[in-house]
Amino acid sequence: MSNDEVGANVALSDTDERLLDRLAAFSSEQTGLAAAGFVGFLAIWYVAASFQPTYLLPSPVEVSAAFVTELTTPETLGVPFTGVELPATRLLAKLVQSLYHYIPGLLIGTTLGITAGVAMGWNDRVDSVFTPVTRILRPIPPLAWIGFAVIWLGVNHRGATFIVAIGSFWINFYSAYGGVEGVSNDLKEVAATLGVDDDLTMIRKVVLPAASPSIMTGIRTSIGQCWMIVVAAELIVGVGVGYEILNTAQNLAMDVSVAYMLVISLVFLVSDGLFRRVERRVLEWRA
């Protein structure tokens, strides 16, 4: 290796080290700012709550106490379709009750939404047939279907699942539709010249990978949005975290109501963090 090459490698190594130092400093700064923002929020909340009764604005201390109480109070958890009851705590029981319709609704809506979005985004005839229907149904909020959910499926988890699935469907439908429609024609032409000559292979090997960033964004968005829908959908069931938020608020137990709001936030943060890891693995080919 020549002296010039050695010098270039040393210079490159020094540059890499400086870049890593800057990234580490930036990360530390971001963490510090985030912590300062969170502490500032808690301080403002505490001061504001000190001038109000608990039923108007509970303090962070009161909400924390309510959270611990709900987390430690014993309660039985019924398993659907089995009649089995398991020992749990009140908070855990309410969370699992919400998951009984959140998870199936999210999975059903996501699957149907992506399937319909890919089909309409890929095939012009399918798009022409179903576009009028989607334009009529899309503006209708998921909660407007509560009456039909009760009539068709009853006052149970199936009705709430139906409402959650509708919300998840539209988010994933338009994400998949936009992703497939935005796939470059040049990319499809190159694939065709390389021997991809049927629709299923083109969709599987070219269109879906190219549209996957948009599809993954839709799934991630629906994970959070469906928790918002759960709160109102649980008016059908009368159980779950969302129902507890509304029921305790009506009884002016605002500290308990806010505690269950935080439960939704914590569950979302965990599920979003896990999905981001999955998303990075699925989309690592872009690197």
Protein backbone atom coordinates (compact mmCIF):
# COMPACT_ATOMS: atom_id res chain seq x y z
CA MET A 1 0.00 0.00 0.00
CA SER A 2 1.39 3.41 -0.98
CA ASN A 3 1.88 6.30 1.44
CA ASP A 4 -0.96 8.19 -0.28
CA GLU A 5 -3.37 5.27 0.29
CA VAL A 6 -2.34 5.00 3.95
CA GLY A 7 -2.87 8.73 4.43
CA ALA A 8 -6.30 8.53 2.77
CA ASN A 9 -7.35 5.64 5.03
CA VAL A 10 -6.18 7.50 8.15
CA ALA A 11 -8.06 10.62 7.06
CA LEU A 12 -11.19 8.54 6.39
CA SER A 13 -10.89 6.89 9.81
CA ASP A 14 -10.61 10.29 11.50
CA THR A 15 -13.67 11.50 9.60
CA ASP A 16 -15.66 8.45 10.68
CA GLU A 17 -14.70 9.00 14.30
CA ARG A 18 -15.72 12.66 14.15
CA LEU A 19 -19.04 11.68 12.57
CA LEU A 20 -19.71 9.08 15.28
CA ASP A 21 -18.85 11.64 17.98
CA ARG A 22 -21.29 14.12 16.45
CA LEU A 23 -24.03 11.49 16.26
CA ALA A 24 -23.44 10.50 19.89
CA ALA A 25 -23.55 14.13 20.99
CA PHE A 26 -26.72 14.72 18.96
CA SER A 27 -28.37 11.64 20.48
CA SER A 28 -27.45 12.77 24.00
CA GLU A 29 -28.78 16.23 23.29
CA GLN A 30 -32.05 14.84 21.95
CA THR A 31 -32.45 12.62 25.01
CA GLY A 32 -31.79 15.53 27.32
CA LEU A 33 -34.29 17.75 25.52
CA ALA A 34 -36.91 15.00 25.61
CA ALA A 35 -36.40 14.48 29.34
CA ALA A 36 -36.56 18.23 29.98
CA GLY A 37 -39.77 18.52 27.96
CA PHE A 38 -41.39 15.65 29.87
CA VAL A 39 -40.38 17.02 33.28
CA GLY A 40 -41.63 20.46 32.24
CA PHE A 41 -44.96 19.00 31.18
CA LEU A 42 -45.35 17.22 34.54
CA ALA A 43 -44.45 20.41 36.41
CA ILE A 44 -47.02 22.50 34.53
CA TRP A 45 -49.64 19.79 35.02
CA TYR A 46 -48.90 19.60 38.77
CA VAL A 47 -49.09 23.37 39.25
CA ALA A 48 -52.31 23.66 37.23
CA ALA A 49 -53.91 20.77 39.14
CA SER A 50 -53.05 22.32 42.50
CA PHE A 51 -55.63 25.05 41.84
CA GLN A 52 -58.41 22.64 40.81
CA PRO A 53 -60.36 19.88 42.55
CA THR A 54 -59.56 16.31 41.53
CA TYR A 55 -62.82 15.89 39.63
CA LEU A 56 -61.78 18.74 37.30
CA LEU A 57 -58.06 18.11 36.93
CA PRO A 58 -56.27 15.38 38.90
CA SER A 59 -52.60 15.88 39.63
CA PRO A 60 -49.86 13.52 38.42
CA VAL A 61 -49.55 12.21 41.99
CA GLU A 62 -53.27 11.39 42.17
CA VAL A 63 -53.22 9.75 38.75
CA SER A 64 -50.20 7.67 39.76
CA ALA A 65 -51.96 6.55 42.93
CA ALA A 66 -55.06 5.60 40.94
CA PHE A 67 -52.89 3.70 38.45
CA VAL A 68 -51.26 1.68 41.24
CA THR A 69 -54.65 0.97 42.81
CA GLU A 70 -56.09 -0.31 39.52
CA LEU A 71 -52.93 -2.33 38.90
CA THR A 72 -53.06 -4.07 42.28
CA THR A 73 -56.79 -4.52 42.93
CA PRO A 74 -57.74 -8.19 42.37
CA GLU A 75 -60.36 -9.04 39.76
CA THR A 76 -61.27 -12.14 37.77
CA LEU A 77 -60.83 -12.26 34.01
CA GLY A 78 -63.32 -14.24 31.95
CA VAL A 79 -62.04 -16.10 28.89
CA PRO A 80 -64.51 -15.82 25.95
CA PHE A 81 -66.26 -18.96 24.69
CA THR A 82 -64.87 -21.07 27.56
CA GLY A 83 -66.58 -19.89 30.72
CA VAL A 84 -63.18 -20.04 32.45
CA GLU A 85 -62.28 -17.26 34.88
CA LEU A 86 -58.67 -16.44 35.67
CA PRO A 87 -57.28 -14.40 38.57
CA ALA A 88 -55.95 -11.01 37.52
CA THR A 89 -55.93 -7.37 38.56
CA ARG A 90 -58.54 -4.82 37.58
CA LEU A 91 -56.26 -2.97 35.16
CA LEU A 92 -54.99 -6.16 33.52
CA ALA A 93 -58.54 -7.50 33.18
CA LYS A 94 -59.76 -4.29 31.48
CA LEU A 95 -56.76 -4.28 29.13
CA VAL A 96 -57.25 -7.90 28.08
CA GLN A 97 -60.96 -7.26 27.53
CA SER A 98 -60.02 -4.46 25.12
CA LEU A 99 -57.53 -6.68 23.35
CA TYR A 100 -60.29 -9.24 22.74
CA HIS A 101 -61.76 -6.95 20.08
CA TYR A 102 -58.79 -4.68 19.30
CA ILE A 103 -56.51 -7.42 17.97
CA PRO A 104 -59.11 -9.27 15.82
CA GLY A 105 -60.48 -5.98 14.49
CA LEU A 106 -57.00 -4.72 13.63
CA LEU A 107 -56.01 -7.98 11.90
CA ILE A 108 -59.26 -8.31 9.93
CA GLY A 109 -59.33 -4.67 8.85
CA THR A 110 -55.63 -4.65 7.93
CA THR A 111 -55.86 -7.84 5.89
CA LEU A 112 -58.98 -6.80 3.98
CA GLY A 113 -57.77 -3.23 3.53
CA ILE A 114 -54.40 -4.20 2.08
CA THR A 115 -55.97 -6.84 -0.16
CA ALA A 116 -58.57 -4.43 -1.54
CA GLY A 117 -56.02 -1.62 -1.91
CA VAL A 118 -53.58 -3.79 -3.84
CA ALA A 119 -56.34 -5.18 -6.09
CA MET A 120 -57.75 -1.75 -6.94
CA GLY A 121 -54.35 -0.11 -7.26
CA TRP A 122 -53.15 -2.79 -9.67
CA ASN A 123 -56.21 -3.52 -11.84
CA ASP A 124 -57.93 -0.61 -13.58
CA ARG A 125 -61.16 -2.56 -14.10
CA VAL A 126 -61.45 -3.47 -10.44
CA ASP A 127 -60.67 0.14 -9.59
CA SER A 128 -63.41 1.43 -11.91
CA VAL A 129 -65.99 -0.97 -10.47
CA PHE A 130 -65.34 -0.26 -6.79
CA THR A 131 -64.27 3.40 -6.78
CA PRO A 132 -67.87 4.73 -6.59
CA VAL A 133 -68.55 2.46 -3.60
CA THR A 134 -65.39 3.49 -1.77
CA ARG A 135 -66.13 7.18 -2.34
CA ILE A 136 -69.59 6.74 -0.83
CA LEU A 137 -68.51 4.67 2.18
CA ARG A 138 -65.17 6.30 3.02
CA PRO A 139 -66.56 9.55 4.54
CA ILE A 140 -68.75 7.60 6.98
CA PRO A 141 -67.02 7.45 10.40
CA PRO A 142 -66.53 3.98 11.87
CA LEU A 143 -68.60 4.96 14.91
CA ALA A 144 -71.60 5.64 12.68
CA TRP A 145 -71.83 1.88 12.21
CA ILE A 146 -72.41 1.20 15.92
CA GLY A 147 -76.16 0.79 15.37
CA PHE A 148 -75.61 -1.82 12.67
CA ALA A 149 -72.95 -3.55 14.79
CA VAL A 150 -75.47 -3.96 17.62
CA ILE A 151 -78.25 -5.16 15.29
CA TRP A 152 -76.10 -7.51 13.22
CA LEU A 153 -73.68 -8.85 15.82
CA GLY A 154 -75.14 -8.02 19.20
CA VAL A 155 -73.86 -6.26 22.31
CA ASN A 156 -70.62 -8.21 22.56
CA HIS A 157 -66.99 -8.32 21.49
CA ARG A 158 -67.97 -9.13 17.89
CA GLY A 159 -69.76 -5.79 17.55
CA ALA A 160 -66.75 -3.88 18.86
CA THR A 161 -64.45 -5.93 16.60
CA PHE A 162 -66.58 -4.90 13.62
CA ILE A 163 -66.17 -1.18 14.45
CA VAL A 164 -62.41 -1.48 14.94
CA ALA A 165 -62.08 -3.44 11.69
CA ILE A 166 -63.84 -0.69 9.72
CA GLY A 167 -61.42 1.92 11.02
CA SER A 168 -58.41 -0.26 10.28
CA PHE A 169 -59.72 -1.16 6.83
CA TRP A 170 -59.79 2.38 5.43
CA ILE A 171 -56.37 3.35 6.76
CA ASN A 172 -54.71 0.30 5.23
CA PHE A 173 -56.79 0.42 2.07
CA TYR A 174 -55.63 3.88 1.04
CA SER A 175 -52.04 3.23 2.11
CA ALA A 176 -51.88 0.08 -0.03
CA TYR A 177 -53.78 1.69 -2.89
CA GLY A 178 -51.47 4.71 -2.98
CA GLY A 179 -48.38 2.55 -2.66
CA VAL A 180 -49.31 0.24 -5.53
CA GLU A 181 -50.51 3.08 -7.74
CA GLY A 182 -47.23 4.90 -7.16
CA VAL A 183 -44.98 2.05 -8.32
CA SER A 184 -42.88 3.30 -11.21
CA ASN A 185 -43.80 2.09 -14.69
CA ASP A 186 -40.10 1.93 -15.47
CA LEU A 187 -39.65 -0.59 -12.68
CA LYS A 188 -42.44 -2.77 -14.06
CA GLU A 189 -41.03 -2.53 -17.59
CA VAL A 190 -37.59 -3.61 -16.39
CA ALA A 191 -39.15 -6.57 -14.57
CA ALA A 192 -41.07 -7.51 -17.72
CA THR A 193 -37.89 -7.49 -19.81
CA LEU A 194 -36.30 -9.81 -17.23
CA GLY A 195 -39.03 -12.40 -17.70
CA VAL A 196 -41.78 -11.41 -15.27
CA ASP A 197 -44.76 -11.96 -17.55
CA ASP A 198 -47.77 -12.64 -15.29
CA ASP A 199 -49.67 -10.43 -12.85
CA LEU A 200 -49.23 -12.54 -9.73
CA THR A 201 -45.47 -12.73 -10.11
CA MET A 202 -45.26 -9.03 -10.90
CA ILE A 203 -47.30 -8.18 -7.79
CA ARG A 204 -45.37 -10.55 -5.56
CA LYS A 205 -41.84 -9.77 -6.69
CA VAL A 206 -42.05 -6.15 -7.84
CA VAL A 207 -45.19 -4.27 -6.81
CA LEU A 208 -45.50 -5.38 -3.17
CA PRO A 209 -41.81 -4.76 -2.33
CA ALA A 210 -41.95 -1.35 -4.01
CA ALA A 211 -45.20 -0.45 -2.23
CA SER A 212 -44.14 -1.92 1.13
CA PRO A 213 -43.03 1.43 2.68
CA SER A 214 -46.51 2.84 2.14
CA ILE A 215 -48.19 -0.37 3.31
CA MET A 216 -46.09 -0.51 6.46
CA THR A 217 -46.92 3.12 7.21
CA GLY A 218 -50.61 2.27 6.93
CA ILE A 219 -50.28 -0.66 9.33
CA ARG A 220 -48.36 1.46 11.84
CA THR A 221 -50.93 4.24 11.63
CA SER A 222 -53.82 1.84 12.15
CA ILE A 223 -52.16 0.38 15.27
CA GLY A 224 -52.52 3.77 16.93
CA GLN A 225 -55.78 4.94 15.37
CA CYS A 226 -57.63 1.77 16.33
CA TRP A 227 -56.99 2.47 20.00
CA MET A 228 -58.88 5.73 19.52
CA ILE A 229 -61.76 3.82 17.97
CA VAL A 230 -61.74 1.27 20.80
CA VAL A 231 -62.71 3.92 23.36
CA ALA A 232 -66.04 4.62 21.64
CA ALA A 233 -66.55 1.07 20.31
CA GLU A 234 -66.56 -0.25 23.87
CA LEU A 235 -69.84 1.52 24.46
CA ILE A 236 -71.22 -1.57 22.71
CA VAL A 237 -69.53 -4.06 25.02
CA GLY A 238 -69.56 -2.21 28.32
CA VAL A 239 -66.12 -3.53 29.28
CA GLY A 240 -62.51 -2.67 28.56
CA VAL A 241 -60.11 0.22 28.97
CA GLY A 242 -62.10 2.57 26.75
CA TYR A 243 -65.31 1.91 28.65
CA GLU A 244 -63.54 2.55 31.96
CA ILE A 245 -62.29 5.92 30.66
CA LEU A 246 -65.84 7.01 29.85
CA ASN A 247 -67.55 5.37 32.83
CA THR A 248 -65.17 6.75 35.46
CA ALA A 249 -65.32 10.21 33.88
CA GLN A 250 -69.11 10.16 34.11
CA ASN A 251 -68.71 9.36 37.81
CA LEU A 252 -66.19 12.23 38.16
CA ALA A 253 -63.37 9.81 39.08
CA MET A 254 -61.07 11.70 36.76
CA ASP A 255 -57.89 10.36 38.36
CA VAL A 256 -58.94 6.82 37.40
CA SER A 257 -60.06 7.99 33.96
CA VAL A 258 -56.66 9.58 33.25
CA ALA A 259 -54.91 6.47 34.59
CA TYR A 260 -56.67 4.36 31.96
CA MET A 261 -55.80 6.96 29.31
CA LEU A 262 -52.17 6.39 30.23
CA VAL A 263 -52.70 2.64 29.89
CA ILE A 264 -53.64 3.17 26.24
CA SER A 265 -50.59 5.41 25.77
CA LEU A 266 -48.25 2.84 27.29
CA VAL A 267 -49.70 -0.03 25.25
CA PHE A 268 -49.40 2.04 22.08
CA LEU A 269 -45.79 2.99 22.82
CA VAL A 270 -44.86 -0.67 23.34
CA SER A 271 -46.74 -1.92 20.26
CA ASP A 272 -45.40 0.93 18.11
CA GLY A 273 -41.84 0.25 19.24
CA LEU A 274 -42.19 -3.45 18.44
CA PHE A 275 -43.70 -2.74 15.04
CA ARG A 276 -40.92 -0.28 14.18
CA ARG A 277 -38.44 -3.10 14.67
CA VAL A 278 -40.47 -5.31 12.35
CA GLU A 279 -40.71 -2.45 9.86
CA ARG A 280 -36.95 -1.95 9.84
CA ARG A 281 -36.42 -5.65 9.16
CA VAL A 282 -38.98 -5.70 6.35
CA LEU A 283 -37.60 -2.54 4.73
CA GLU A 284 -33.90 -3.16 5.32
CA TRP A 285 -33.52 -3.95 1.59
CA ARG A 286 -33.82 -0.19 0.95
CA ALA A 287 -30.48 0.39 2.64
